[in-house]
Amino acid sequence: MKQFLFLLILALFLLSCKKDNTLPRTEATTSGSKWGIRVGSSAADVYTQLQASAKQNNFEDVDVIGQKLTFSKPEEVQQRLKFYSMLNVQKDADGASIVYNESNVINITGAIPKTLNKWPETAADEIAVVQNEPVDNIYNKLLAIYKLPEYADYTITLAYKSLTKGFDPDMGNYNEWSFYIFKDVKPGLSGRNYVRLIFSSGKLKQIITEYNEFEVYNTNQ
């Protein structure tokens, strides 16, 4: 009987030590740090930590869940254009996506979609946003475009929060951010970490990481 109990306890111990390989797998971090991001940090400090983590873990952007980024007037985005890398100007099926880096406009795509040299295509160059336009000109160009009656009621949506850009203070008004980290497990298999940052009262309270794996196919073969 004693031998049976000993073997049973040993089996239960070994079972508890066995690594759980069930996928997807979720881990909650409520103290210390994960991915180089420290629980208890302010939103601004978390953003700085994210920028460092992005370089180490090879990701580029962060999403702020529920953040309001669609506006009706250029004046509403004047102070925030510098924090993002894309703006979408749209009304119904018409509009354009304008992608820019720290210095100039690098791509303009129409609603069709097709690559454009400028938008609006029918506007004079001194009014339209043109390819290679200096970033500092975008706001004044938007003001000029919105004075044209046919574009006065288009919406402006800021998009793509690249971690190469500065911290948008409005991010601190939202309680959840998220990003993805991908890691190669072995040839043909990729690991994906979906990371959620949960804030409360302006401080990071929890880091939730959901891990899963996916087969990767080489389409070049």
C-alpha atoms as a PDB file:
ATOM      1  CA  MET A   1       0.000   0.000   0.000  1.00  0.00           C
ATOM      2  CA  LYS A   2       2.818   2.390   0.941  1.00  0.00           C
ATOM      3  CA  GLN A   3       4.613   1.578  -2.308  1.00  0.00           C
ATOM      4  CA  PHE A   4       1.448   2.316  -4.280  1.00  0.00           C
ATOM      5  CA  LEU A   5       0.981   5.678  -2.536  1.00  0.00           C
ATOM      6  CA  PHE A   6       4.638   6.540  -3.181  1.00  0.00           C
ATOM      7  CA  LEU A   7       4.295   5.750  -6.890  1.00  0.00           C
ATOM      8  CA  LEU A   8       1.066   7.735  -7.082  1.00  0.00           C
ATOM      9  CA  ILE A   9       2.648  10.792  -5.453  1.00  0.00           C
ATOM     10  CA  LEU A  10       5.682  10.469  -7.728  1.00  0.00           C
ATOM     11  CA  ALA A  11       3.464  10.273 -10.822  1.00  0.00           C
ATOM     12  CA  LEU A  12       1.490  13.352  -9.747  1.00  0.00           C
ATOM     13  CA  PHE A  13       4.730  15.247  -9.099  1.00  0.00           C
ATOM     14  CA  LEU A  14       6.136  14.379 -12.516  1.00  0.00           C
ATOM     15  CA  LEU A  15       2.852  15.345 -14.138  1.00  0.00           C
ATOM     16  CA  SER A  16       2.892  18.750 -12.429  1.00  0.00           C
ATOM     17  CA  CYS A  17       6.442  19.343 -13.663  1.00  0.00           C
ATOM     18  CA  LYS A  18       5.624  18.441 -17.237  1.00  0.00           C
ATOM     19  CA  LYS A  19       5.578  21.455 -19.545  1.00  0.00           C
ATOM     20  CA  ASP A  20       2.142  22.361 -20.831  1.00  0.00           C
ATOM     21  CA  ASN A  21       2.361  22.407 -24.623  1.00  0.00           C
ATOM     22  CA  THR A  22      -1.311  23.133 -25.176  1.00  0.00           C
ATOM     23  CA  LEU A  23      -1.823  25.945 -27.695  1.00  0.00           C
ATOM     24  CA  PRO A  24      -2.777  28.711 -27.604  1.00  0.00           C
ATOM     25  CA  ARG A  25      -1.107  29.393 -24.250  1.00  0.00           C
ATOM     26  CA  THR A  26      -1.809  32.497 -22.160  1.00  0.00           C
ATOM     27  CA  GLU A  27       0.446  34.054 -19.521  1.00  0.00           C
ATOM     28  CA  ALA A  28      -0.447  37.012 -17.304  1.00  0.00           C
ATOM     29  CA  THR A  29       2.365  39.138 -15.854  1.00  0.00           C
ATOM     30  CA  THR A  30       1.245  41.301 -12.915  1.00  0.00           C
ATOM     31  CA  SER A  31       4.639  42.214 -11.418  1.00  0.00           C
ATOM     32  CA  GLY A  32       8.164  42.650 -12.659  1.00  0.00           C
ATOM     33  CA  SER A  33       8.605  42.870 -16.425  1.00  0.00           C
ATOM     34  CA  LYS A  34       7.924  41.016 -19.658  1.00  0.00           C
ATOM     35  CA  TRP A  35       9.287  41.791 -23.137  1.00  0.00           C
ATOM     36  CA  GLY A  36      11.343  44.579 -21.545  1.00  0.00           C
ATOM     37  CA  ILE A  37       8.180  46.337 -20.326  1.00  0.00           C
ATOM     38  CA  ARG A  38       7.779  46.926 -16.602  1.00  0.00           C
ATOM     39  CA  VAL A  39       4.491  46.611 -14.736  1.00  0.00           C
ATOM     40  CA  GLY A  40       3.700  49.808 -12.814  1.00  0.00           C
ATOM     41  CA  SER A  41       5.169  52.138 -15.435  1.00  0.00           C
ATOM     42  CA  SER A  42       3.326  55.205 -16.737  1.00  0.00           C
ATOM     43  CA  ALA A  43       1.966  55.231 -20.288  1.00  0.00           C
ATOM     44  CA  ALA A  44       4.820  57.467 -21.477  1.00  0.00           C
ATOM     45  CA  ASP A  45       7.435  55.212 -19.872  1.00  0.00           C
ATOM     46  CA  VAL A  46       5.796  52.094 -21.319  1.00  0.00           C
ATOM     47  CA  TYR A  47       6.021  53.680 -24.764  1.00  0.00           C
ATOM     48  CA  THR A  48       9.757  54.293 -24.313  1.00  0.00           C
ATOM     49  CA  GLN A  49      10.190  50.681 -23.172  1.00  0.00           C
ATOM     50  CA  LEU A  50       8.192  49.520 -26.208  1.00  0.00           C
ATOM     51  CA  GLN A  51      10.536  51.383 -28.527  1.00  0.00           C
ATOM     52  CA  ALA A  52      13.512  49.520 -27.035  1.00  0.00           C
ATOM     53  CA  SER A  53      11.650  46.189 -27.097  1.00  0.00           C
ATOM     54  CA  ALA A  54      10.714  46.704 -30.749  1.00  0.00           C
ATOM     55  CA  LYS A  55      14.386  46.817 -31.700  1.00  0.00           C
ATOM     56  CA  GLN A  56      15.174  43.669 -29.689  1.00  0.00           C
ATOM     57  CA  ASN A  57      12.116  41.666 -30.764  1.00  0.00           C
ATOM     58  CA  ASN A  58      11.703  42.876 -34.339  1.00  0.00           C
ATOM     59  CA  PHE A  59       8.281  44.527 -34.330  1.00  0.00           C
ATOM     60  CA  GLU A  60       7.384  47.992 -35.556  1.00  0.00           C
ATOM     61  CA  ASP A  61       4.051  49.287 -34.287  1.00  0.00           C
ATOM     62  CA  VAL A  62       1.503  49.291 -31.474  1.00  0.00           C
ATOM     63  CA  ASP A  63      -2.307  49.460 -31.516  1.00  0.00           C
ATOM     64  CA  VAL A  64      -4.319  51.417 -28.965  1.00  0.00           C
ATOM     65  CA  ILE A  65      -7.647  49.645 -28.576  1.00  0.00           C
ATOM     66  CA  GLY A  66     -10.643  51.920 -29.088  1.00  0.00           C
ATOM     67  CA  GLN A  67      -8.593  55.066 -29.711  1.00  0.00           C
ATOM     68  CA  LYS A  68     -10.442  57.809 -31.596  1.00  0.00           C
ATOM     69  CA  LEU A  69      -8.372  58.617 -34.674  1.00  0.00           C
ATOM     70  CA  THR A  70     -11.010  59.834 -37.152  1.00  0.00           C
ATOM     71  CA  PHE A  71     -11.663  63.569 -37.418  1.00  0.00           C
ATOM     72  CA  SER A  72     -13.624  65.991 -39.565  1.00  0.00           C
ATOM     73  CA  LYS A  73     -11.252  68.983 -39.735  1.00  0.00           C
ATOM     74  CA  PRO A  74      -7.515  69.433 -40.378  1.00  0.00           C
ATOM     75  CA  GLU A  75      -7.240  71.557 -37.238  1.00  0.00           C
ATOM     76  CA  GLU A  76      -8.026  68.475 -35.150  1.00  0.00           C
ATOM     77  CA  VAL A  77      -4.932  66.601 -36.384  1.00  0.00           C
ATOM     78  CA  GLN A  78      -2.445  69.473 -36.545  1.00  0.00           C
ATOM     79  CA  GLN A  79      -0.575  68.535 -33.368  1.00  0.00           C
ATOM     80  CA  ARG A  80      -0.821  64.761 -33.927  1.00  0.00           C
ATOM     81  CA  LEU A  81       0.319  64.187 -37.513  1.00  0.00           C
ATOM     82  CA  LYS A  82       3.916  63.836 -36.306  1.00  0.00           C
ATOM     83  CA  PHE A  83       3.028  60.856 -34.107  1.00  0.00           C
ATOM     84  CA  TYR A  84       1.679  58.686 -36.950  1.00  0.00           C
ATOM     85  CA  SER A  85       2.851  57.422 -40.345  1.00  0.00           C
ATOM     86  CA  MET A  86      -0.331  57.422 -42.421  1.00  0.00           C
ATOM     87  CA  LEU A  87      -3.470  59.447 -42.895  1.00  0.00           C
ATOM     88  CA  ASN A  88      -6.563  58.374 -44.767  1.00  0.00           C
ATOM     89  CA  VAL A  89      -8.759  61.074 -46.277  1.00  0.00           C
ATOM     90  CA  GLN A  90     -12.115  59.686 -47.290  1.00  0.00           C
ATOM     91  CA  LYS A  91     -15.730  60.237 -48.211  1.00  0.00           C
ATOM     92  CA  ASP A  92     -17.778  57.186 -49.182  1.00  0.00           C
ATOM     93  CA  ALA A  93     -15.748  55.330 -51.852  1.00  0.00           C
ATOM     94  CA  ASP A  94     -13.467  58.261 -52.703  1.00  0.00           C
ATOM     95  CA  GLY A  95     -10.267  59.349 -51.017  1.00  0.00           C
ATOM     96  CA  ALA A  96      -6.606  58.552 -50.570  1.00  0.00           C
ATOM     97  CA  SER A  97      -4.083  57.018 -48.184  1.00  0.00           C
ATOM     98  CA  ILE A  98      -1.009  59.161 -47.636  1.00  0.00           C
ATOM     99  CA  VAL A  99       2.050  57.461 -46.118  1.00  0.00           C
ATOM    100  CA  TYR A 100       4.905  59.544 -44.757  1.00  0.00           C
ATOM    101  CA  ASN A 101       8.073  59.127 -42.748  1.00  0.00           C
ATOM    102  CA  GLU A 102       9.909  61.628 -40.573  1.00  0.00           C
ATOM    103  CA  SER A 103      10.793  63.856 -43.518  1.00  0.00           C
ATOM    104  CA  ASN A 104       8.492  63.459 -46.529  1.00  0.00           C
ATOM    105  CA  VAL A 105       5.526  61.768 -48.185  1.00  0.00           C
ATOM    106  CA  ILE A 106       6.632  58.359 -49.501  1.00  0.00           C
ATOM    107  CA  ASN A 107       3.421  56.980 -51.013  1.00  0.00           C
ATOM    108  CA  ILE A 108      -0.044  58.145 -52.076  1.00  0.00           C
ATOM    109  CA  THR A 109      -2.667  55.538 -52.929  1.00  0.00           C
ATOM    110  CA  GLY A 110      -6.080  56.303 -54.370  1.00  0.00           C
ATOM    111  CA  ALA A 111      -9.348  54.626 -53.532  1.00  0.00           C
ATOM    112  CA  ILE A 112      -9.246  52.248 -56.549  1.00  0.00           C
ATOM    113  CA  PRO A 113      -6.455  51.526 -55.339  1.00  0.00           C
ATOM    114  CA  LYS A 114      -3.649  52.854 -57.507  1.00  0.00           C
ATOM    115  CA  THR A 115      -0.486  54.804 -56.845  1.00  0.00           C
ATOM    116  CA  LEU A 116      -0.930  58.547 -57.325  1.00  0.00           C
ATOM    117  CA  ASN A 117       1.548  61.354 -57.888  1.00  0.00           C
ATOM    118  CA  LYS A 118      -0.647  63.710 -55.919  1.00  0.00           C
ATOM    119  CA  TRP A 119      -4.017  63.992 -54.201  1.00  0.00           C
ATOM    120  CA  PRO A 120      -6.491  65.374 -55.104  1.00  0.00           C
ATOM    121  CA  GLU A 121      -5.455  64.569 -58.667  1.00  0.00           C
ATOM    122  CA  THR A 122      -7.400  67.510 -60.113  1.00  0.00           C
ATOM    123  CA  ALA A 123      -6.069  70.097 -57.673  1.00  0.00           C
ATOM    124  CA  ALA A 124      -3.168  72.419 -58.423  1.00  0.00           C
ATOM    125  CA  ASP A 125       0.216  71.346 -57.025  1.00  0.00           C
ATOM    126  CA  GLU A 126       0.218  74.235 -54.557  1.00  0.00           C
ATOM    127  CA  ILE A 127      -2.974  72.783 -53.007  1.00  0.00           C
ATOM    128  CA  ALA A 128      -2.597  69.000 -53.467  1.00  0.00           C
ATOM    129  CA  VAL A 129      -0.400  66.724 -51.344  1.00  0.00           C
ATOM    130  CA  VAL A 130       2.270  65.545 -53.775  1.00  0.00           C
ATOM    131  CA  GLN A 131       4.726  62.649 -53.797  1.00  0.00           C
ATOM    132  CA  ASN A 132       7.891  63.522 -51.795  1.00  0.00           C
ATOM    133  CA  GLU A 133       6.081  66.451 -50.166  1.00  0.00           C
ATOM    134  CA  PRO A 134       7.947  67.605 -47.029  1.00  0.00           C
ATOM    135  CA  VAL A 135       6.061  66.413 -43.943  1.00  0.00           C
ATOM    136  CA  ASP A 136       5.951  69.957 -42.593  1.00  0.00           C
ATOM    137  CA  ASN A 137       3.773  70.950 -45.579  1.00  0.00           C
ATOM    138  CA  ILE A 138       1.041  68.337 -45.042  1.00  0.00           C
ATOM    139  CA  TYR A 139      -1.041  70.301 -42.554  1.00  0.00           C
ATOM    140  CA  ASN A 140      -1.162  73.469 -44.670  1.00  0.00           C
ATOM    141  CA  LYS A 141      -2.013  71.384 -47.745  1.00  0.00           C
ATOM    142  CA  LEU A 142      -4.926  69.791 -45.837  1.00  0.00           C
ATOM    143  CA  LEU A 143      -6.191  73.259 -44.882  1.00  0.00           C
ATOM    144  CA  ALA A 144      -6.121  74.265 -48.545  1.00  0.00           C
ATOM    145  CA  ILE A 145      -7.852  71.055 -49.692  1.00  0.00           C
ATOM    146  CA  TYR A 146     -10.641  71.462 -47.136  1.00  0.00           C
ATOM    147  CA  LYS A 147     -11.389  74.935 -48.447  1.00  0.00           C
ATOM    148  CA  LEU A 148     -12.423  73.315 -51.723  1.00  0.00           C
ATOM    149  CA  PRO A 149     -16.206  72.729 -51.425  1.00  0.00           C
ATOM    150  CA  GLU A 150     -16.063  69.200 -52.824  1.00  0.00           C
ATOM    151  CA  TYR A 151     -13.642  68.068 -50.078  1.00  0.00           C
ATOM    152  CA  ALA A 152     -14.982  70.030 -47.096  1.00  0.00           C
ATOM    153  CA  ASP A 153     -16.825  67.059 -45.600  1.00  0.00           C
ATOM    154  CA  TYR A 154     -14.157  64.361 -46.042  1.00  0.00           C
ATOM    155  CA  THR A 155     -12.930  62.636 -42.881  1.00  0.00           C
ATOM    156  CA  ILE A 156      -9.293  62.356 -41.812  1.00  0.00           C
ATOM    157  CA  THR A 157      -8.119  59.195 -40.077  1.00  0.00           C
ATOM    158  CA  LEU A 158      -4.673  58.875 -38.538  1.00  0.00           C
ATOM    159  CA  ALA A 159      -3.212  55.377 -38.856  1.00  0.00           C
ATOM    160  CA  TYR A 160      -0.190  53.173 -38.196  1.00  0.00           C
ATOM    161  CA  LYS A 161       1.392  54.049 -34.847  1.00  0.00           C
ATOM    162  CA  SER A 162       4.993  53.335 -35.743  1.00  0.00           C
ATOM    163  CA  LEU A 163       7.312  53.054 -32.758  1.00  0.00           C
ATOM    164  CA  THR A 164       9.872  55.155 -34.619  1.00  0.00           C
ATOM    165  CA  LYS A 165       7.560  58.121 -34.014  1.00  0.00           C
ATOM    166  CA  GLY A 166       7.094  59.931 -30.698  1.00  0.00           C
ATOM    167  CA  PHE A 167       4.588  59.194 -27.945  1.00  0.00           C
ATOM    168  CA  ASP A 168       1.085  60.533 -28.568  1.00  0.00           C
ATOM    169  CA  PRO A 169      -0.130  61.760 -25.129  1.00  0.00           C
ATOM    170  CA  ASP A 170      -3.678  60.754 -26.087  1.00  0.00           C
ATOM    171  CA  MET A 171      -2.569  57.120 -25.822  1.00  0.00           C
ATOM    172  CA  GLY A 172      -2.546  57.543 -22.056  1.00  0.00           C
ATOM    173  CA  ASN A 173      -6.335  57.975 -22.081  1.00  0.00           C
ATOM    174  CA  TYR A 174      -6.893  54.331 -23.105  1.00  0.00           C
ATOM    175  CA  ASN A 175      -6.625  51.205 -20.971  1.00  0.00           C
ATOM    176  CA  GLU A 176      -5.443  48.652 -23.516  1.00  0.00           C
ATOM    177  CA  TRP A 177      -2.622  48.580 -26.067  1.00  0.00           C
ATOM    178  CA  SER A 178      -1.519  45.596 -28.112  1.00  0.00           C
ATOM    179  CA  PHE A 179       1.225  44.382 -30.435  1.00  0.00           C
ATOM    180  CA  TYR A 180       2.581  41.182 -32.006  1.00  0.00           C
ATOM    181  CA  ILE A 181       5.976  39.515 -31.707  1.00  0.00           C
ATOM    182  CA  PHE A 182       6.828  36.728 -34.143  1.00  0.00           C
ATOM    183  CA  LYS A 183       9.607  34.194 -33.549  1.00  0.00           C
ATOM    184  CA  ASP A 184      10.854  31.365 -35.768  1.00  0.00           C
ATOM    185  CA  VAL A 185      10.397  28.057 -33.926  1.00  0.00           C
ATOM    186  CA  LYS A 186      11.955  25.885 -36.614  1.00  0.00           C
ATOM    187  CA  PRO A 187      11.883  25.771 -40.424  1.00  0.00           C
ATOM    188  CA  GLY A 188       8.266  25.900 -41.517  1.00  0.00           C
ATOM    189  CA  LEU A 189       6.926  26.833 -38.065  1.00  0.00           C
ATOM    190  CA  SER A 190       6.429  30.341 -36.668  1.00  0.00           C
ATOM    191  CA  GLY A 191       5.544  31.351 -33.126  1.00  0.00           C
ATOM    192  CA  ARG A 192       3.256  34.345 -32.575  1.00  0.00           C
ATOM    193  CA  ASN A 193       2.990  36.283 -29.336  1.00  0.00           C
ATOM    194  CA  TYR A 194      -0.071  38.531 -29.108  1.00  0.00           C
ATOM    195  CA  VAL A 195       0.722  40.926 -26.285  1.00  0.00           C
ATOM    196  CA  ARG A 196      -1.898  43.064 -24.521  1.00  0.00           C
ATOM    197  CA  LEU A 197      -0.931  45.848 -22.140  1.00  0.00           C
ATOM    198  CA  ILE A 198      -3.630  46.607 -19.566  1.00  0.00           C
ATOM    199  CA  PHE A 199      -3.596  49.980 -17.806  1.00  0.00           C
ATOM    200  CA  SER A 200      -5.487  51.296 -14.804  1.00  0.00           C
ATOM    201  CA  SER A 201      -5.306  54.825 -13.359  1.00  0.00           C
ATOM    202  CA  GLY A 202      -2.533  55.718 -15.784  1.00  0.00           C
ATOM    203  CA  LYS A 203      -0.228  52.831 -14.802  1.00  0.00           C
ATOM    204  CA  LEU A 204       0.503  49.489 -16.451  1.00  0.00           C
ATOM    205  CA  LYS A 205      -1.207  46.823 -14.331  1.00  0.00           C
ATOM    206  CA  GLN A 206      -0.891  43.663 -16.396  1.00  0.00           C
ATOM    207  CA  ILE A 207       0.826  42.190 -19.445  1.00  0.00           C
ATOM    208  CA  ILE A 208      -1.117  39.378 -21.099  1.00  0.00           C
ATOM    209  CA  THR A 209       0.748  37.253 -23.635  1.00  0.00           C
ATOM    210  CA  GLU A 210      -1.076  34.723 -25.806  1.00  0.00           C
ATOM    211  CA  TYR A 211       1.260  32.371 -27.650  1.00  0.00           C
ATOM    212  CA  ASN A 212       0.385  30.246 -30.650  1.00  0.00           C
ATOM    213  CA  GLU A 213       2.215  28.524 -33.493  1.00  0.00           C
ATOM    214  CA  PHE A 214       1.519  28.404 -37.221  1.00  0.00           C
ATOM    215  CA  GLU A 215       2.912  26.550 -40.179  1.00  0.00           C
ATOM    216  CA  VAL A 216       4.701  28.781 -42.693  1.00  0.00           C
ATOM    217  CA  TYR A 217       4.790  27.863 -46.354  1.00  0.00           C
ATOM    218  CA  ASN A 218       7.507  29.016 -48.711  1.00  0.00           C
ATOM    219  CA  THR A 219       5.608  30.410 -51.697  1.00  0.00           C
ATOM    220  CA  ASN A 220       8.838  30.902 -53.667  1.00  0.00           C
ATOM    221  CA  GLN A 221       9.361  27.192 -54.167  1.00  0.00           C
END
